Amino acid sequence: VPSPTEIVVTSENFKTVLHWQYPSVSETPHFIVEIKPYNLGYYKNVSTCVNTSAHFCDLSEEICDPYSSHWLRVKAVVGSQQSDYVEANEFILQRHGKL
């Protein structure tokens, strides 16, 4: 199963969204997004983006601390197969977000 590509985080006025691309496959792919906040130290599922068929995930509820680092990753699930996770670059709201 191919992994998602072009993982990008955009943030404007505290609305933070992870976007990705995915090639066409015969079955509908679903995606699982995980987030690792700096203070947590490990990845956890983003509950609103487990088995989503969308190619984006709204993280506004997850990323509130403007100064804390967050890491994000996404994988594809097609049928019974899964891709590897693909990580986005480190995201810091204060540095990368727009107001």
PDB file of N, CA and C in Angstrom:
ATOM      1  N   VAL A   1       0.867  -1.191   0.000  1.00  0.00           N
ATOM      2  CA  VAL A   1       0.000   0.000   0.000  1.00  0.00           C
ATOM      3  C   VAL A   1       0.899   1.235   0.000  1.00  0.00           C
ATOM      4  N   PRO A   2       0.694   2.167  -0.932  1.00  0.00           N
ATOM      5  CA  PRO A   2       1.530   3.379  -0.922  1.00  0.00           C
ATOM      6  C   PRO A   2       1.256   4.238   0.309  1.00  0.00           C
ATOM      7  N   SER A   3       2.286   4.963   0.729  1.00  0.00           N
ATOM      8  CA  SER A   3       2.114   5.895   1.846  1.00  0.00           C
ATOM      9  C   SER A   3       1.585   7.229   1.324  1.00  0.00           C
ATOM     10  N   PRO A   4       0.903   7.978   2.180  1.00  0.00           N
ATOM     11  CA  PRO A   4       0.499   9.340   1.788  1.00  0.00           C
ATOM     12  C   PRO A   4       1.735  10.186   1.461  1.00  0.00           C
ATOM     13  N   THR A   5       1.542  11.218   0.640  1.00  0.00           N
ATOM     14  CA  THR A   5       2.643  12.096   0.254  1.00  0.00           C
ATOM     15  C   THR A   5       2.246  13.546   0.496  1.00  0.00           C
ATOM     16  N   GLU A   6       3.223  14.437   0.348  1.00  0.00           N
ATOM     17  CA  GLU A   6       2.997  15.887   0.456  1.00  0.00           C
ATOM     18  C   GLU A   6       2.238  16.257   1.729  1.00  0.00           C
ATOM     19  N   ILE A   7       2.816  15.826   2.843  1.00  0.00           N
ATOM     20  CA  ILE A   7       2.204  16.084   4.148  1.00  0.00           C
ATOM     21  C   ILE A   7       2.494  17.537   4.518  1.00  0.00           C
ATOM     22  N   VAL A   8       1.455  18.330   4.685  1.00  0.00           N
ATOM     23  CA  VAL A   8       1.627  19.763   4.955  1.00  0.00           C
ATOM     24  C   VAL A   8       0.678  20.164   6.080  1.00  0.00           C
ATOM     25  N   VAL A   9       1.194  20.972   7.006  1.00  0.00           N
ATOM     26  CA  VAL A   9       0.347  21.539   8.051  1.00  0.00           C
ATOM     27  C   VAL A   9       0.135  23.016   7.739  1.00  0.00           C
ATOM     28  N   THR A  10      -1.119  23.434   7.705  1.00  0.00           N
ATOM     29  CA  THR A  10      -1.413  24.867   7.549  1.00  0.00           C
ATOM     30  C   THR A  10      -2.136  25.334   8.811  1.00  0.00           C
ATOM     31  N   SER A  11      -1.895  26.583   9.171  1.00  0.00           N
ATOM     32  CA  SER A  11      -2.556  27.115  10.355  1.00  0.00           C
ATOM     33  C   SER A  11      -2.824  28.597  10.153  1.00  0.00           C
ATOM     34  N   GLU A  12      -4.081  28.956  10.283  1.00  0.00           N
ATOM     35  CA  GLU A  12      -4.476  30.354  10.155  1.00  0.00           C
ATOM     36  C   GLU A  12      -5.519  30.665  11.215  1.00  0.00           C
ATOM     37  N   ASN A  13      -5.262  31.689  12.016  1.00  0.00           N
ATOM     38  CA  ASN A  13      -6.174  32.076  13.097  1.00  0.00           C
ATOM     39  C   ASN A  13      -6.517  30.887  13.994  1.00  0.00           C
ATOM     40  N   PHE A  14      -5.514  30.121  14.333  1.00  0.00           N
ATOM     41  CA  PHE A  14      -5.642  28.973  15.236  1.00  0.00           C
ATOM     42  C   PHE A  14      -6.441  27.815  14.641  1.00  0.00           C
ATOM     43  N   LYS A  15      -6.817  27.886  13.360  1.00  0.00           N
ATOM     44  CA  LYS A  15      -7.406  26.719  12.698  1.00  0.00           C
ATOM     45  C   LYS A  15      -6.258  25.977  12.015  1.00  0.00           C
ATOM     46  N   THR A  16      -5.889  24.851  12.587  1.00  0.00           N
ATOM     47  CA  THR A  16      -4.715  24.102  12.151  1.00  0.00           C
ATOM     48  C   THR A  16      -5.161  22.814  11.467  1.00  0.00           C
ATOM     49  N   VAL A  17      -4.700  22.624  10.233  1.00  0.00           N
ATOM     50  CA  VAL A  17      -5.157  21.486   9.440  1.00  0.00           C
ATOM     51  C   VAL A  17      -3.959  20.780   8.809  1.00  0.00           C
ATOM     52  N   LEU A  18      -3.958  19.453   8.907  1.00  0.00           N
ATOM     53  CA  LEU A  18      -2.972  18.614   8.234  1.00  0.00           C
ATOM     54  C   LEU A  18      -3.568  18.165   6.906  1.00  0.00           C
ATOM     55  N   HIS A  19      -2.803  18.327   5.823  1.00  0.00           N
ATOM     56  CA  HIS A  19      -3.256  17.918   4.488  1.00  0.00           C
ATOM     57  C   HIS A  19      -2.286  16.889   3.925  1.00  0.00           C
ATOM     58  N   TRP A  20      -2.770  16.020   3.066  1.00  0.00           N
ATOM     59  CA  TRP A  20      -1.888  15.078   2.370  1.00  0.00           C
ATOM     60  C   TRP A  20      -2.502  14.686   1.041  1.00  0.00           C
ATOM     61  N   GLN A  21      -1.658  14.104   0.196  1.00  0.00           N
ATOM     62  CA  GLN A  21      -2.092  13.601  -1.104  1.00  0.00           C
ATOM     63  C   GLN A  21      -2.055  12.079  -1.066  1.00  0.00           C
ATOM     64  N   TYR A  22      -2.863  11.473  -1.949  1.00  0.00           N
ATOM     65  CA  TYR A  22      -2.829  10.022  -2.033  1.00  0.00           C
ATOM     66  C   TYR A  22      -3.196   9.597  -3.442  1.00  0.00           C
ATOM     67  N   PRO A  23      -2.448   8.626  -3.992  1.00  0.00           N
ATOM     68  CA  PRO A  23      -2.757   8.199  -5.360  1.00  0.00           C
ATOM     69  C   PRO A  23      -4.085   7.438  -5.419  1.00  0.00           C
ATOM     70  N   SER A  24      -4.663   7.344  -6.594  1.00  0.00           N
ATOM     71  CA  SER A  24      -5.896   6.570  -6.768  1.00  0.00           C
ATOM     72  C   SER A  24      -5.589   5.082  -6.624  1.00  0.00           C
ATOM     73  N   VAL A  25      -6.379   4.410  -5.818  1.00  0.00           N
ATOM     74  CA  VAL A  25      -6.259   2.958  -5.667  1.00  0.00           C
ATOM     75  C   VAL A  25      -7.646   2.355  -5.862  1.00  0.00           C
ATOM     76  N   SER A  26      -7.689   1.048  -6.066  1.00  0.00           N
ATOM     77  CA  SER A  26      -8.959   0.412  -6.431  1.00  0.00           C
ATOM     78  C   SER A  26      -9.999   0.500  -5.315  1.00  0.00           C
ATOM     79  N   GLU A  27      -9.547   0.332  -4.068  1.00  0.00           N
ATOM     80  CA  GLU A  27     -10.467   0.465  -2.943  1.00  0.00           C
ATOM     81  C   GLU A  27     -10.325   1.855  -2.333  1.00  0.00           C
ATOM     82  N   THR A  28     -11.367   2.295  -1.644  1.00  0.00           N
ATOM     83  CA  THR A  28     -11.288   3.608  -0.985  1.00  0.00           C
ATOM     84  C   THR A  28     -10.290   3.546   0.155  1.00  0.00           C
ATOM     85  N   PRO A  29      -9.264   4.397   0.120  1.00  0.00           N
ATOM     86  CA  PRO A  29      -8.317   4.400   1.242  1.00  0.00           C
ATOM     87  C   PRO A  29      -8.893   5.164   2.431  1.00  0.00           C
ATOM     88  N   HIS A  30      -8.538   4.715   3.613  1.00  0.00           N
ATOM     89  CA  HIS A  30      -8.851   5.448   4.835  1.00  0.00           C
ATOM     90  C   HIS A  30      -7.526   5.801   5.495  1.00  0.00           C
ATOM     91  N   PHE A  31      -7.572   6.823   6.314  1.00  0.00           N
ATOM     92  CA  PHE A  31      -6.335   7.341   6.887  1.00  0.00           C
ATOM     93  C   PHE A  31      -6.438   7.426   8.399  1.00  0.00           C
ATOM     94  N   ILE A  32      -5.298   7.224   9.038  1.00  0.00           N
ATOM     95  CA  ILE A  32      -5.210   7.352  10.495  1.00  0.00           C
ATOM     96  C   ILE A  32      -4.142   8.407  10.784  1.00  0.00           C
ATOM     97  N   VAL A  33      -4.530   9.429  11.533  1.00  0.00           N
ATOM     98  CA  VAL A  33      -3.622  10.520  11.873  1.00  0.00           C
ATOM     99  C   VAL A  33      -3.260  10.403  13.347  1.00  0.00           C
ATOM    100  N   GLU A  34      -1.972  10.579  13.638  1.00  0.00           N
ATOM    101  CA  GLU A  34      -1.505  10.593  15.020  1.00  0.00           C
ATOM    102  C   GLU A  34      -0.739  11.877  15.284  1.00  0.00           C
ATOM    103  N   ILE A  35      -0.763  12.289  16.549  1.00  0.00           N
ATOM    104  CA  ILE A  35      -0.074  13.510  16.964  1.00  0.00           C
ATOM    105  C   ILE A  35       0.805  13.188  18.163  1.00  0.00           C
ATOM    106  N   LYS A  36       1.991  13.816  18.186  1.00  0.00           N
ATOM    107  CA  LYS A  36       2.879  13.678  19.342  1.00  0.00           C
ATOM    108  C   LYS A  36       3.183  15.068  19.876  1.00  0.00           C
ATOM    109  N   PRO A  37       2.463  15.506  20.903  1.00  0.00           N
ATOM    110  CA  PRO A  37       2.811  16.780  21.537  1.00  0.00           C
ATOM    111  C   PRO A  37       4.124  16.616  22.307  1.00  0.00           C
ATOM    112  N   TYR A  38       4.916  17.658  22.325  1.00  0.00           N
ATOM    113  CA  TYR A  38       6.226  17.611  22.988  1.00  0.00           C
ATOM    114  C   TYR A  38       6.104  17.133  24.440  1.00  0.00           C
ATOM    115  N   ASN A  39       5.107  17.673  25.149  1.00  0.00           N
ATOM    116  CA  ASN A  39       4.999  17.362  26.580  1.00  0.00           C
ATOM    117  C   ASN A  39       4.466  15.954  26.835  1.00  0.00           C
ATOM    118  N   LEU A  40       3.852  15.348  25.840  1.00  0.00           N
ATOM    119  CA  LEU A  40       3.357  13.968  26.002  1.00  0.00           C
ATOM    120  C   LEU A  40       4.481  12.970  25.714  1.00  0.00           C
ATOM    121  N   GLY A  41       5.218  13.209  24.625  1.00  0.00           N
ATOM    122  CA  GLY A  41       6.384  12.382  24.342  1.00  0.00           C
ATOM    123  C   GLY A  41       6.118  11.127  23.536  1.00  0.00           C
ATOM    124  N   TYR A  42       4.858  10.886  23.183  1.00  0.00           N
ATOM    125  CA  TYR A  42       4.567   9.734  22.327  1.00  0.00           C
ATOM    126  C   TYR A  42       3.367  10.061  21.439  1.00  0.00           C
ATOM    127  N   TYR A  43       3.210   9.259  20.391  1.00  0.00           N
ATOM    128  CA  TYR A  43       2.107   9.476  19.455  1.00  0.00           C
ATOM    129  C   TYR A  43       0.805   8.921  20.014  1.00  0.00           C
ATOM    130  N   LYS A  44      -0.277   9.632  19.741  1.00  0.00           N
ATOM    131  CA  LYS A  44      -1.621   9.141  20.052  1.00  0.00           C
ATOM    132  C   LYS A  44      -2.525   9.438  18.866  1.00  0.00           C
ATOM    133  N   ASN A  45      -3.583   8.658  18.724  1.00  0.00           N
ATOM    134  CA  ASN A  45      -4.535   8.888  17.645  1.00  0.00           C
ATOM    135  C   ASN A  45      -5.220  10.240  17.805  1.00  0.00           C
ATOM    136  N   VAL A  46      -5.471  10.901  16.688  1.00  0.00           N
ATOM    137  CA  VAL A  46      -6.361  12.068  16.673  1.00  0.00           C
ATOM    138  C   VAL A  46      -7.761  11.482  16.457  1.00  0.00           C
ATOM    139  N   SER A  47      -8.589  11.519  17.498  1.00  0.00           N
ATOM    140  CA  SER A  47      -9.835  10.741  17.492  1.00  0.00           C
ATOM    141  C   SER A  47     -10.746  11.077  16.314  1.00  0.00           C
ATOM    142  N   THR A  48     -10.709  12.336  15.868  1.00  0.00           N
ATOM    143  CA  THR A  48     -11.578  12.733  14.759  1.00  0.00           C
ATOM    144  C   THR A  48     -11.023  12.290  13.402  1.00  0.00           C
ATOM    145  N   CYS A  49      -9.803  11.750  13.382  1.00  0.00           N
ATOM    146  CA  CYS A  49      -9.158  11.393  12.114  1.00  0.00           C
ATOM    147  C   CYS A  49      -8.649   9.956  12.129  1.00  0.00           C
ATOM    148  N   VAL A  50      -9.470   9.052  12.661  1.00  0.00           N
ATOM    149  CA  VAL A  50      -9.178   7.626  12.599  1.00  0.00           C
ATOM    150  C   VAL A  50     -10.130   7.021  11.577  1.00  0.00           C
ATOM    151  N   ASN A  51      -9.567   6.355  10.584  1.00  0.00           N
ATOM    152  CA  ASN A  51     -10.360   5.777   9.487  1.00  0.00           C
ATOM    153  C   ASN A  51     -11.147   6.833   8.715  1.00  0.00           C
ATOM    154  N   THR A  52     -10.563   8.006   8.564  1.00  0.00           N
ATOM    155  CA  THR A  52     -11.195   9.048   7.761  1.00  0.00           C
ATOM    156  C   THR A  52     -10.869   8.811   6.290  1.00  0.00           C
ATOM    157  N   SER A  53     -11.823   9.116   5.419  1.00  0.00           N
ATOM    158  CA  SER A  53     -11.545   9.006   3.985  1.00  0.00           C
ATOM    159  C   SER A  53     -11.126  10.357   3.408  1.00  0.00           C
ATOM    160  N   ALA A  54     -11.203  11.414   4.222  1.00  0.00           N
ATOM    161  CA  ALA A  54     -10.778  12.744   3.773  1.00  0.00           C
ATOM    162  C   ALA A  54      -9.255  12.789   3.655  1.00  0.00           C
ATOM    163  N   HIS A  55      -8.751  13.745   2.885  1.00  0.00           N
ATOM    164  CA  HIS A  55      -7.309  13.914   2.722  1.00  0.00           C
ATOM    165  C   HIS A  55      -6.806  15.093   3.559  1.00  0.00           C
ATOM    166  N   PHE A  56      -7.490  15.332   4.663  1.00  0.00           N
ATOM    167  CA  PHE A  56      -7.078  16.390   5.587  1.00  0.00           C
ATOM    168  C   PHE A  56      -7.606  16.036   6.969  1.00  0.00           C
ATOM    169  N   CYS A  57      -7.060  16.706   7.976  1.00  0.00           N
ATOM    170  CA  CYS A  57      -7.477  16.471   9.355  1.00  0.00           C
ATOM    171  C   CYS A  57      -7.388  17.786  10.111  1.00  0.00           C
ATOM    172  N   ASP A  58      -8.490  18.209  10.693  1.00  0.00           N
ATOM    173  CA  ASP A  58      -8.519  19.441  11.485  1.00  0.00           C
ATOM    174  C   ASP A  58      -7.935  19.155  12.871  1.00  0.00           C
ATOM    175  N   LEU A  59      -6.850  19.863  13.181  1.00  0.00           N
ATOM    176  CA  LEU A  59      -6.143  19.629  14.443  1.00  0.00           C
ATOM    177  C   LEU A  59      -6.349  20.770  15.432  1.00  0.00           C
ATOM    178  N   SER A  60      -7.300  21.640  15.147  1.00  0.00           N
ATOM    179  CA  SER A  60      -7.476  22.845  15.964  1.00  0.00           C
ATOM    180  C   SER A  60      -7.723  22.511  17.432  1.00  0.00           C
ATOM    181  N   GLU A  61      -8.429  21.419  17.697  1.00  0.00           N
ATOM    182  CA  GLU A  61      -8.708  21.030  19.084  1.00  0.00           C
ATOM    183  C   GLU A  61      -7.481  20.417  19.748  1.00  0.00           C
ATOM    184  N   GLU A  62      -6.540  19.930  18.936  1.00  0.00           N
ATOM    185  CA  GLU A  62      -5.378  19.207  19.469  1.00  0.00           C
ATOM    186  C   GLU A  62      -4.214  20.144  19.790  1.00  0.00           C
ATOM    187  N   ILE A  63      -4.060  21.206  18.991  1.00  0.00           N
ATOM    188  CA  ILE A  63      -2.887  22.072  19.126  1.00  0.00           C
ATOM    189  C   ILE A  63      -3.338  23.417  19.683  1.00  0.00           C
ATOM    190  N   CYS A  64      -3.160  23.558  20.989  1.00  0.00           N
ATOM    191  CA  CYS A  64      -3.605  24.792  21.660  1.00  0.00           C
ATOM    192  C   CYS A  64      -2.431  25.615  22.166  1.00  0.00           C
ATOM    193  N   ASP A  65      -1.374  24.935  22.604  1.00  0.00           N
ATOM    194  CA  ASP A  65      -0.211  25.638  23.156  1.00  0.00           C
ATOM    195  C   ASP A  65       0.614  26.224  22.015  1.00  0.00           C
ATOM    196  N   PRO A  66       0.681  27.556  21.919  1.00  0.00           N
ATOM    197  CA  PRO A  66       1.357  28.157  20.762  1.00  0.00           C
ATOM    198  C   PRO A  66       2.867  27.950  20.741  1.00  0.00           C
ATOM    199  N   TYR A  67       3.473  27.606  21.874  1.00  0.00           N
ATOM    200  CA  TYR A  67       4.936  27.527  21.931  1.00  0.00           C
ATOM    201  C   TYR A  67       5.453  26.091  21.937  1.00  0.00           C
ATOM    202  N   SER A  68       4.558  25.131  21.992  1.00  0.00           N
ATOM    203  CA  SER A  68       4.976  23.740  22.128  1.00  0.00           C
ATOM    204  C   SER A  68       5.149  23.087  20.759  1.00  0.00           C
ATOM    205  N   SER A  69       6.162  22.209  20.655  1.00  0.00           N
ATOM    206  CA  SER A  69       6.370  21.441  19.419  1.00  0.00           C
ATOM    207  C   SER A  69       5.348  20.314  19.328  1.00  0.00           C
ATOM    208  N   HIS A  70       4.903  20.066  18.108  1.00  0.00           N
ATOM    209  CA  HIS A  70       4.037  18.909  17.837  1.00  0.00           C
ATOM    210  C   HIS A  70       4.572  18.201  16.601  1.00  0.00           C
ATOM    211  N   TRP A  71       4.484  16.891  16.626  1.00  0.00           N
ATOM    212  CA  TRP A  71       4.811  16.107  15.441  1.00  0.00           C
ATOM    213  C   TRP A  71       3.553  15.372  15.015  1.00  0.00           C
ATOM    214  N   LEU A  72       3.384  15.256  13.708  1.00  0.00           N
ATOM    215  CA  LEU A  72       2.177  14.640  13.159  1.00  0.00           C
ATOM    216  C   LEU A  72       2.581  13.572  12.169  1.00  0.00           C
ATOM    217  N   ARG A  73       1.773  12.535  12.088  1.00  0.00           N
ATOM    218  CA  ARG A  73       2.030  11.506  11.080  1.00  0.00           C
ATOM    219  C   ARG A  73       0.708  10.909  10.630  1.00  0.00           C
ATOM    220  N   VAL A  74       0.732  10.361   9.428  1.00  0.00           N
ATOM    221  CA  VAL A  74      -0.478   9.802   8.837  1.00  0.00           C
ATOM    222  C   VAL A  74      -0.107   8.532   8.089  1.00  0.00           C
ATOM    223  N   LYS A  75      -1.018   7.557   8.133  1.00  0.00           N
ATOM    224  CA  LYS A  75      -0.832   6.346   7.328  1.00  0.00           C
ATOM    225  C   LYS A  75      -2.134   6.017   6.627  1.00  0.00           C
ATOM    226  N   ALA A  76      -2.015   5.237   5.565  1.00  0.00           N
ATOM    227  CA  ALA A  76      -3.182   4.818   4.784  1.00  0.00           C
ATOM    228  C   ALA A  76      -3.545   3.383   5.139  1.00  0.00           C
ATOM    229  N   VAL A  77      -4.840   3.103   5.113  1.00  0.00           N
ATOM    230  CA  VAL A  77      -5.354   1.751   5.281  1.00  0.00           C
ATOM    231  C   VAL A  77      -6.223   1.461   4.064  1.00  0.00           C
ATOM    232  N   VAL A  78      -5.848   0.433   3.314  1.00  0.00           N
ATOM    233  CA  VAL A  78      -6.619   0.043   2.130  1.00  0.00           C
ATOM    234  C   VAL A  78      -6.976  -1.425   2.293  1.00  0.00           C
ATOM    235  N   GLY A  79      -8.264  -1.694   2.475  1.00  0.00           N
ATOM    236  CA  GLY A  79      -8.671  -3.067   2.739  1.00  0.00           C
ATOM    237  C   GLY A  79      -8.026  -3.531   4.034  1.00  0.00           C
ATOM    238  N   SER A  80      -7.316  -4.652   3.972  1.00  0.00           N
ATOM    239  CA  SER A  80      -6.674  -5.180   5.184  1.00  0.00           C
ATOM    240  C   SER A  80      -5.209  -4.772   5.260  1.00  0.00           C
ATOM    241  N   GLN A  81      -4.751  -3.941   4.331  1.00  0.00           N
ATOM    242  CA  GLN A  81      -3.337  -3.560   4.316  1.00  0.00           C
ATOM    243  C   GLN A  81      -3.145  -2.129   4.791  1.00  0.00           C
ATOM    244  N   GLN A  82      -1.964  -1.858   5.331  1.00  0.00           N
ATOM    245  CA  GLN A  82      -1.642  -0.523   5.824  1.00  0.00           C
ATOM    246  C   GLN A  82      -0.315  -0.074   5.252  1.00  0.00           C
ATOM    247  N   SER A  83      -0.200   1.223   5.059  1.00  0.00           N
ATOM    248  CA  SER A  83       1.083   1.790   4.628  1.00  0.00           C
ATOM    249  C   SER A  83       1.927   2.085   5.861  1.00  0.00           C
ATOM    250  N   ASP A  84       3.168   2.485   5.627  1.00  0.00           N
ATOM    251  CA  ASP A  84       3.981   3.026   6.710  1.00  0.00           C
ATOM    252  C   ASP A  84       3.462   4.418   7.057  1.00  0.00           C
ATOM    253  N   TYR A  85       3.752   4.842   8.279  1.00  0.00           N
ATOM    254  CA  TYR A  85       3.460   6.220   8.651  1.00  0.00           C
ATOM    255  C   TYR A  85       4.398   7.171   7.914  1.00  0.00           C
ATOM    256  N   VAL A  86       3.888   8.349   7.582  1.00  0.00           N
ATOM    257  CA  VAL A  86       4.708   9.416   7.018  1.00  0.00           C
ATOM    258  C   VAL A  86       4.596  10.600   7.970  1.00  0.00           C
ATOM    259  N   GLU A  87       5.735  11.133   8.366  1.00  0.00           N
ATOM    260  CA  GLU A  87       5.743  12.224   9.336  1.00  0.00           C
ATOM    261  C   GLU A  87       5.810  13.581   8.657  1.00  0.00           C
ATOM    262  N   ALA A  88       5.078  14.530   9.222  1.00  0.00           N
ATOM    263  CA  ALA A  88       5.203  15.925   8.804  1.00  0.00           C
ATOM    264  C   ALA A  88       6.379  16.540   9.558  1.00  0.00           C
ATOM    265  N   ASN A  89       6.814  17.700   9.123  1.00  0.00           N
ATOM    266  CA  ASN A  89       7.844  18.431   9.854  1.00  0.00           C
ATOM    267  C   ASN A  89       7.300  18.870  11.212  1.00  0.00           C
ATOM    268  N   GLU A  90       8.216  19.112  12.123  1.00  0.00           N
ATOM    269  CA  GLU A  90       7.829  19.629  13.440  1.00  0.00           C
ATOM    270  C   GLU A  90       6.948  20.870  13.250  1.00  0.00           C
ATOM    271  N   PHE A  91       5.888  20.969  14.043  1.00  0.00           N
ATOM    272  CA  PHE A  91       4.984  22.105  13.921  1.00  0.00           C
ATOM    273  C   PHE A  91       4.903  22.845  15.257  1.00  0.00           C
ATOM    274  N   ILE A  92       5.139  24.145  15.205  1.00  0.00           N
ATOM    275  CA  ILE A  92       4.989  25.016  16.377  1.00  0.00           C
ATOM    276  C   ILE A  92       4.054  26.150  15.962  1.00  0.00           C
ATOM    277  N   LEU A  93       2.927  26.227  16.643  1.00  0.00           N
ATOM    278  CA  LEU A  93       1.882  27.181  16.253  1.00  0.00           C
ATOM    279  C   LEU A  93       2.419  28.609  16.167  1.00  0.00           C
ATOM    280  N   GLN A  94       3.209  29.009  17.160  1.00  0.00           N
ATOM    281  CA  GLN A  94       3.685  30.391  17.211  1.00  0.00           C
ATOM    282  C   GLN A  94       4.625  30.680  16.047  1.00  0.00           C
ATOM    283  N   ARG A  95       5.376  29.675  15.619  1.00  0.00           N
ATOM    284  CA  ARG A  95       6.357  29.876  14.548  1.00  0.00           C
ATOM    285  C   ARG A  95       5.750  29.670  13.149  1.00  0.00           C
ATOM    286  N   HIS A  96       4.876  28.667  13.011  1.00  0.00           N
ATOM    287  CA  HIS A  96       4.401  28.277  11.682  1.00  0.00           C
ATOM    288  C   HIS A  96       2.972  28.745  11.381  1.00  0.00           C
ATOM    289  N   GLY A  97       2.235  29.145  12.414  1.00  0.00           N
ATOM    290  CA  GLY A  97       0.856  29.574  12.187  1.00  0.00           C
ATOM    291  C   GLY A  97       0.784  31.028  11.726  1.00  0.00           C
ATOM    292  N   LYS A  98      -0.317  31.348  11.033  1.00  0.00           N
ATOM    293  CA  LYS A  98      -0.575  32.738  10.626  1.00  0.00           C
ATOM    294  C   LYS A  98      -1.747  33.261  11.415  1.00  0.00           C
ATOM    295  N   LEU A  99      -1.685  34.534  11.747  1.00  0.00           N
ATOM    296  CA  LEU A  99      -2.824  35.158  12.439  1.00  0.00           C
ATOM    297  C   LEU A  99      -3.410  36.240  11.570  1.00  0.00           C
TER     298      LEU A  99
END
